[in-house]
Each structure stands twice: as C-alpha cells, then as structure tokens.
C-alpha cells in the first residue's frame, strides 16, 4: 500500500519554534553566556539540525497515525520520502519553508487470507 501524509505548515512551525526556544536556553555560543544567546543566532547555528529533527519526528508520527487510522497490519515500511514542494522548478526560492510537509511511503501489509469454497 502507498501512504501519503500531509503535515500543515503551522504544525511544523509551532514545533520548530518551541524546540528552537528550548535549545536557546541550553546552548552556549561564543560571546554569550550559556542560555543567553539571541534566538536568531541559535537558529543560525542550530536551525538546520532542529528543522531536520522536527521533520523526522513529524514524518514518523504521521505515518504511524495513518497506519492506525486505516487499521493496517504492517510488515514493513519502505521508500519514505518527503515530496519537494517546488516540483516544477519554477524558479521559486528553495529556502522558503512556508509550505505543508508531504511524505509518501510504501507500506507492506500482511496478506488477508481468502478461503474459497468454505461453505
């Protein structure tokens, strides 16, 4: 089976901001006391990693939720991909993160037995 999971941009942005603020209270950047670096500096140095962690977390939880919602008996999950929001190559800014996240995955499920001539 193929799954397609969409995560609204607002959900991502909310979790990203929350995690960025949490990181700001813990990281130490040169020239600032521990936990006192400005948020934009923390984002500059740690934003990419935080963004990746949040995307990974949302992907996993979205796929798990879809599996439960559709009551799938899953054997394995393969080919998990995040769709490129700029699939047309329209020249738009590839650093623009103001789009919904869309993940696709192939899910192997247990076959449902069919018994012919049971009655």
N, C-alpha and C. Protein backbone atom coordinates (compact mmCIF):
# COMPACT_ATOMS: atom_id res chain seq x y z
N UNK A 1 0.85 -1.18 0.00
CA UNK A 1 0.00 0.00 0.00
C UNK A 1 0.89 1.23 0.00
N UNK A 2 0.36 2.30 -0.57
CA UNK A 2 1.06 3.57 -0.58
C UNK A 2 0.37 4.53 0.37
N UNK A 3 1.14 5.20 1.18
CA UNK A 3 0.61 6.20 2.11
C UNK A 3 1.11 7.57 1.69
N UNK A 4 0.24 8.55 1.86
CA UNK A 4 0.63 9.95 1.64
C UNK A 4 0.15 10.73 2.86
N UNK A 5 1.08 11.35 3.53
CA UNK A 5 0.79 12.06 4.78
C UNK A 5 1.11 13.53 4.58
N UNK A 6 0.17 14.40 4.93
CA UNK A 6 0.39 15.84 4.86
C UNK A 6 0.40 16.43 6.26
N UNK A 7 1.39 17.25 6.52
CA UNK A 7 1.50 17.93 7.81
C UNK A 7 1.41 19.43 7.54
N UNK A 8 0.40 20.09 8.09
CA UNK A 8 0.26 21.53 7.86
C UNK A 8 1.49 22.31 8.33
N UNK A 9 1.82 23.35 7.58
CA UNK A 9 2.98 24.18 7.90
C UNK A 9 2.89 24.73 9.33
N UNK A 10 1.69 25.08 9.78
CA UNK A 10 1.52 25.65 11.11
C UNK A 10 1.95 24.66 12.20
N UNK A 11 1.69 23.36 11.99
CA UNK A 11 2.09 22.34 12.96
C UNK A 11 3.61 22.28 13.02
N UNK A 12 4.24 22.24 11.85
CA UNK A 12 5.70 22.21 11.81
C UNK A 12 6.28 23.46 12.47
N UNK A 13 5.79 24.62 12.09
CA UNK A 13 6.33 25.89 12.59
C UNK A 13 6.19 25.99 14.10
N UNK A 14 5.07 25.54 14.63
CA UNK A 14 4.83 25.57 16.07
C UNK A 14 5.87 24.71 16.81
N UNK A 15 6.09 23.50 16.33
CA UNK A 15 7.05 22.61 16.97
C UNK A 15 8.48 23.11 16.79
N UNK A 16 8.78 23.66 15.62
CA UNK A 16 10.12 24.18 15.36
C UNK A 16 10.43 25.34 16.30
N UNK A 17 9.49 26.27 16.43
CA UNK A 17 9.69 27.43 17.31
C UNK A 17 9.85 26.98 18.76
N UNK A 18 9.03 26.05 19.17
CA UNK A 18 9.11 25.53 20.55
C UNK A 18 10.49 24.90 20.80
N UNK A 19 10.96 24.09 19.87
CA UNK A 19 12.26 23.42 20.03
C UNK A 19 13.41 24.42 19.95
N UNK A 20 13.29 25.42 19.10
CA UNK A 20 14.32 26.45 18.98
C UNK A 20 14.44 27.23 20.29
N UNK A 21 13.33 27.58 20.89
CA UNK A 21 13.35 28.30 22.17
C UNK A 21 13.93 27.43 23.28
N UNK A 22 13.60 26.14 23.25
CA UNK A 22 14.17 25.23 24.25
C UNK A 22 15.68 25.15 24.09
N UNK A 23 16.14 25.04 22.84
CA UNK A 23 17.58 24.95 22.58
C UNK A 23 18.28 26.23 23.02
N UNK A 24 17.63 27.38 22.83
CA UNK A 24 18.23 28.66 23.19
C UNK A 24 18.54 28.75 24.68
N UNK A 25 17.79 28.05 25.50
CA UNK A 25 18.02 28.08 26.94
C UNK A 25 19.16 27.15 27.36
N UNK A 26 19.61 26.29 26.41
CA UNK A 26 20.61 25.29 26.78
C UNK A 26 21.96 25.44 26.07
N UNK A 27 21.97 26.03 24.90
CA UNK A 27 23.23 26.08 24.14
C UNK A 27 24.13 27.20 24.62
N UNK A 28 25.40 27.02 24.32
CA UNK A 28 26.40 28.03 24.66
C UNK A 28 27.09 28.46 23.37
N UNK A 29 26.95 29.72 23.02
CA UNK A 29 27.60 30.27 21.84
C UNK A 29 28.68 31.24 22.28
N UNK A 30 29.78 31.24 21.54
CA UNK A 30 30.90 32.11 21.87
C UNK A 30 30.44 33.57 21.91
N UNK A 31 30.80 34.24 22.98
CA UNK A 31 30.44 35.64 23.14
C UNK A 31 29.17 35.86 23.96
N UNK A 32 28.48 34.77 24.31
CA UNK A 32 27.25 34.87 25.09
C UNK A 32 27.32 33.90 26.27
N UNK A 33 26.71 34.31 27.36
CA UNK A 33 26.62 33.39 28.49
C UNK A 33 25.71 32.23 28.11
N UNK A 34 25.92 31.09 28.74
CA UNK A 34 25.13 29.90 28.44
C UNK A 34 23.64 30.21 28.59
N UNK A 35 22.88 29.89 27.56
CA UNK A 35 21.44 30.11 27.60
C UNK A 35 21.00 31.53 27.32
N UNK A 36 21.95 32.42 26.99
CA UNK A 36 21.61 33.83 26.79
C UNK A 36 21.80 34.31 25.34
N UNK A 37 22.11 33.40 24.43
CA UNK A 37 22.30 33.79 23.03
C UNK A 37 20.97 34.18 22.40
N UNK A 38 20.97 35.18 21.53
CA UNK A 38 19.73 35.59 20.86
C UNK A 38 19.19 34.45 20.00
N UNK A 39 17.87 34.40 19.89
CA UNK A 39 17.20 33.33 19.15
C UNK A 39 17.68 33.25 17.70
N UNK A 40 17.91 34.41 17.06
CA UNK A 40 18.35 34.36 15.66
C UNK A 40 19.74 33.75 15.52
N UNK A 41 20.61 33.92 16.52
CA UNK A 41 21.93 33.29 16.50
C UNK A 41 21.82 31.78 16.70
N UNK A 42 20.95 31.38 17.61
CA UNK A 42 20.73 29.95 17.85
C UNK A 42 20.19 29.31 16.58
N UNK A 43 19.28 30.00 15.90
CA UNK A 43 18.72 29.47 14.66
C UNK A 43 19.80 29.36 13.59
N UNK A 44 20.68 30.34 13.52
CA UNK A 44 21.74 30.32 12.51
C UNK A 44 22.63 29.09 12.67
N UNK A 45 22.98 28.76 13.91
CA UNK A 45 23.90 27.66 14.16
C UNK A 45 23.22 26.30 14.30
N UNK A 46 22.01 26.27 14.84
CA UNK A 46 21.37 25.00 15.14
C UNK A 46 20.05 24.78 14.40
N UNK A 47 19.58 25.77 13.65
CA UNK A 47 18.28 25.69 13.00
C UNK A 47 18.15 24.52 12.03
N UNK A 48 19.19 24.26 11.25
CA UNK A 48 19.14 23.17 10.28
C UNK A 48 18.95 21.82 10.95
N UNK A 49 19.70 21.58 12.00
CA UNK A 49 19.59 20.30 12.72
C UNK A 49 18.22 20.18 13.40
N UNK A 50 17.77 21.26 14.01
CA UNK A 50 16.47 21.24 14.68
C UNK A 50 15.37 21.01 13.65
N UNK A 51 15.46 21.70 12.50
CA UNK A 51 14.49 21.53 11.42
C UNK A 51 14.43 20.07 10.97
N UNK A 52 15.60 19.46 10.77
CA UNK A 52 15.67 18.06 10.36
C UNK A 52 15.07 17.12 11.38
N UNK A 53 15.35 17.37 12.66
CA UNK A 53 14.80 16.53 13.73
C UNK A 53 13.28 16.62 13.78
N UNK A 54 12.75 17.83 13.63
CA UNK A 54 11.30 18.02 13.67
C UNK A 54 10.65 17.35 12.46
N UNK A 55 11.24 17.49 11.28
CA UNK A 55 10.68 16.85 10.08
C UNK A 55 10.67 15.34 10.26
N UNK A 56 11.75 14.77 10.77
CA UNK A 56 11.83 13.32 11.00
C UNK A 56 10.75 12.87 11.98
N UNK A 57 10.59 13.62 13.07
CA UNK A 57 9.60 13.29 14.08
C UNK A 57 8.17 13.35 13.51
N UNK A 58 7.87 14.40 12.75
CA UNK A 58 6.54 14.55 12.16
C UNK A 58 6.27 13.47 11.12
N UNK A 59 7.29 13.09 10.37
CA UNK A 59 7.14 12.03 9.38
C UNK A 59 6.78 10.72 10.06
N UNK A 60 7.54 10.36 11.07
CA UNK A 60 7.28 9.10 11.79
C UNK A 60 5.89 9.08 12.43
N UNK A 61 5.55 10.16 13.12
CA UNK A 61 4.26 10.19 13.80
C UNK A 61 3.12 10.22 12.79
N UNK A 62 3.30 10.90 11.66
CA UNK A 62 2.26 10.94 10.63
C UNK A 62 2.01 9.58 10.01
N UNK A 63 3.09 8.86 9.72
CA UNK A 63 2.94 7.52 9.16
C UNK A 63 2.31 6.58 10.17
N UNK A 64 2.75 6.64 11.43
CA UNK A 64 2.16 5.80 12.48
C UNK A 64 0.67 6.08 12.63
N UNK A 65 0.31 7.36 12.60
CA UNK A 65 -1.10 7.75 12.73
C UNK A 65 -1.93 7.23 11.55
N UNK A 66 -1.39 7.30 10.35
CA UNK A 66 -2.10 6.81 9.16
C UNK A 66 -2.28 5.30 9.23
N UNK A 67 -1.27 4.59 9.72
CA UNK A 67 -1.37 3.14 9.86
C UNK A 67 -2.47 2.78 10.84
N UNK A 68 -2.52 3.48 11.97
CA UNK A 68 -3.57 3.21 12.96
C UNK A 68 -4.95 3.59 12.44
N UNK A 69 -5.04 4.74 11.77
CA UNK A 69 -6.32 5.21 11.26
C UNK A 69 -6.93 4.22 10.28
N UNK A 70 -6.09 3.63 9.43
CA UNK A 70 -6.58 2.70 8.41
C UNK A 70 -6.48 1.23 8.86
N UNK A 71 -6.12 1.03 10.13
CA UNK A 71 -6.05 -0.30 10.73
C UNK A 71 -5.26 -1.28 9.85
N UNK A 72 -4.06 -0.85 9.45
CA UNK A 72 -3.21 -1.68 8.60
C UNK A 72 -2.36 -2.61 9.46
N UNK A 73 -2.24 -3.84 9.03
CA UNK A 73 -1.37 -4.82 9.69
C UNK A 73 -0.03 -4.78 8.96
N UNK A 74 0.86 -3.94 9.43
CA UNK A 74 2.09 -3.62 8.71
C UNK A 74 3.21 -4.63 8.99
N UNK A 75 3.86 -5.04 7.90
CA UNK A 75 5.04 -5.88 7.99
C UNK A 75 6.28 -5.00 7.94
N UNK A 76 6.28 -4.00 7.07
CA UNK A 76 7.43 -3.12 6.93
C UNK A 76 7.08 -1.83 6.23
N UNK A 77 7.94 -0.85 6.40
CA UNK A 77 7.76 0.47 5.77
C UNK A 77 9.01 0.74 4.93
N UNK A 78 8.80 1.13 3.67
CA UNK A 78 9.92 1.36 2.77
C UNK A 78 9.73 2.66 2.01
N UNK A 79 10.81 3.11 1.40
CA UNK A 79 10.80 4.26 0.49
C UNK A 79 10.07 5.48 1.05
N UNK A 80 10.40 5.84 2.26
CA UNK A 80 9.81 7.04 2.86
C UNK A 80 10.51 8.24 2.24
N UNK A 81 9.71 9.15 1.68
CA UNK A 81 10.26 10.33 1.02
C UNK A 81 9.45 11.55 1.38
N UNK A 82 10.12 12.69 1.38
CA UNK A 82 9.42 13.95 1.53
C UNK A 82 9.32 14.56 0.15
N UNK A 83 8.10 14.89 -0.25
CA UNK A 83 7.91 15.49 -1.56
C UNK A 83 8.50 16.88 -1.60
N UNK A 84 9.09 17.22 -2.74
CA UNK A 84 9.65 18.54 -2.95
C UNK A 84 8.52 19.50 -3.27
N UNK A 85 8.33 20.54 -2.45
CA UNK A 85 7.24 21.47 -2.71
C UNK A 85 7.46 22.29 -3.98
N UNK A 86 8.66 22.26 -4.51
CA UNK A 86 8.99 23.02 -5.71
C UNK A 86 9.19 22.07 -6.87
N UNK A 87 8.27 21.11 -7.06
CA UNK A 87 8.46 20.08 -8.07
C UNK A 87 8.52 20.61 -9.49
N UNK A 88 8.06 21.78 -9.77
CA UNK A 88 8.05 22.26 -11.14
C UNK A 88 9.30 22.98 -11.56
N UNK A 89 10.22 23.29 -10.64
CA UNK A 89 11.40 24.06 -10.99
C UNK A 89 11.01 25.44 -11.49
N UNK A 90 10.06 26.06 -10.80
CA UNK A 90 9.52 27.34 -11.26
C UNK A 90 10.39 28.53 -10.89
N UNK A 91 11.57 28.26 -10.37
CA UNK A 91 12.47 29.36 -10.03
C UNK A 91 12.18 29.98 -8.69
N UNK A 92 11.25 29.42 -7.93
CA UNK A 92 10.95 29.98 -6.62
C UNK A 92 12.07 29.65 -5.64
N UNK A 93 12.08 30.33 -4.54
CA UNK A 93 13.14 30.21 -3.55
C UNK A 93 13.09 28.84 -2.88
N UNK A 94 14.13 28.05 -3.05
CA UNK A 94 14.17 26.73 -2.44
C UNK A 94 14.42 26.79 -0.94
N UNK A 95 14.71 27.94 -0.41
CA UNK A 95 14.90 28.08 1.02
C UNK A 95 13.61 28.53 1.71
N UNK A 96 12.56 28.66 0.95
CA UNK A 96 11.26 29.02 1.50
C UNK A 96 10.69 27.81 2.21
N UNK A 97 10.41 27.94 3.50
CA UNK A 97 9.91 26.82 4.28
C UNK A 97 8.42 26.99 4.60
N UNK A 98 7.74 27.90 3.93
CA UNK A 98 6.33 28.17 4.24
C UNK A 98 5.41 27.29 3.40
N UNK A 99 5.53 26.01 3.56
CA UNK A 99 4.69 25.08 2.82
C UNK A 99 4.37 23.89 3.71
N UNK A 100 3.28 23.19 3.39
CA UNK A 100 2.96 21.98 4.13
C UNK A 100 3.99 20.91 3.80
N UNK A 101 4.23 20.03 4.75
CA UNK A 101 5.14 18.91 4.53
C UNK A 101 4.32 17.74 4.02
N UNK A 102 4.80 17.09 2.97
CA UNK A 102 4.10 15.94 2.40
C UNK A 102 5.08 14.78 2.34
N UNK A 103 4.70 13.66 2.98
CA UNK A 103 5.53 12.47 2.99
C UNK A 103 4.81 11.34 2.28
N UNK A 104 5.56 10.51 1.58
CA UNK A 104 5.00 9.31 0.97
C UNK A 104 5.80 8.11 1.47
N UNK A 105 5.15 6.98 1.55
CA UNK A 105 5.82 5.76 1.99
C UNK A 105 5.11 4.55 1.39
N UNK A 106 5.87 3.52 1.15
CA UNK A 106 5.30 2.24 0.74
C UNK A 106 5.23 1.37 1.98
N UNK A 107 4.06 0.81 2.24
CA UNK A 107 3.85 0.01 3.44
C UNK A 107 3.47 -1.40 3.02
N UNK A 108 4.25 -2.37 3.48
CA UNK A 108 3.94 -3.77 3.22
C UNK A 108 3.01 -4.25 4.32
N UNK A 109 1.91 -4.88 3.93
CA UNK A 109 0.94 -5.37 4.90
C UNK A 109 0.81 -6.88 4.80
N UNK A 110 0.37 -7.50 5.90
CA UNK A 110 0.11 -8.93 5.87
C UNK A 110 -1.02 -9.20 4.88
N UNK A 111 -0.90 -10.24 4.08
CA UNK A 111 -1.99 -10.55 3.15
C UNK A 111 -3.21 -11.04 3.92
N UNK A 112 -4.39 -10.72 3.39
CA UNK A 112 -5.61 -11.20 4.01
C UNK A 112 -5.97 -12.53 3.38
N UNK A 113 -6.09 -13.58 4.20
CA UNK A 113 -6.37 -14.89 3.62
C UNK A 113 -7.77 -14.96 3.02
N UNK A 114 -7.86 -15.62 1.87
CA UNK A 114 -9.14 -15.83 1.23
C UNK A 114 -9.35 -17.34 1.12
N UNK A 115 -10.43 -17.80 1.71
CA UNK A 115 -10.72 -19.23 1.69
C UNK A 115 -11.87 -19.46 0.71
N UNK A 116 -11.55 -20.10 -0.41
CA UNK A 116 -12.56 -20.39 -1.41
C UNK A 116 -13.34 -21.65 -1.02
N UNK A 117 -14.64 -21.62 -1.30
CA UNK A 117 -15.48 -22.81 -1.09
C UNK A 117 -15.62 -23.21 0.36
N UNK A 118 -15.55 -22.24 1.27
CA UNK A 118 -15.65 -22.56 2.69
C UNK A 118 -16.99 -23.16 3.04
N UNK A 119 -18.08 -22.63 2.44
CA UNK A 119 -19.40 -23.14 2.77
C UNK A 119 -19.74 -24.23 1.80
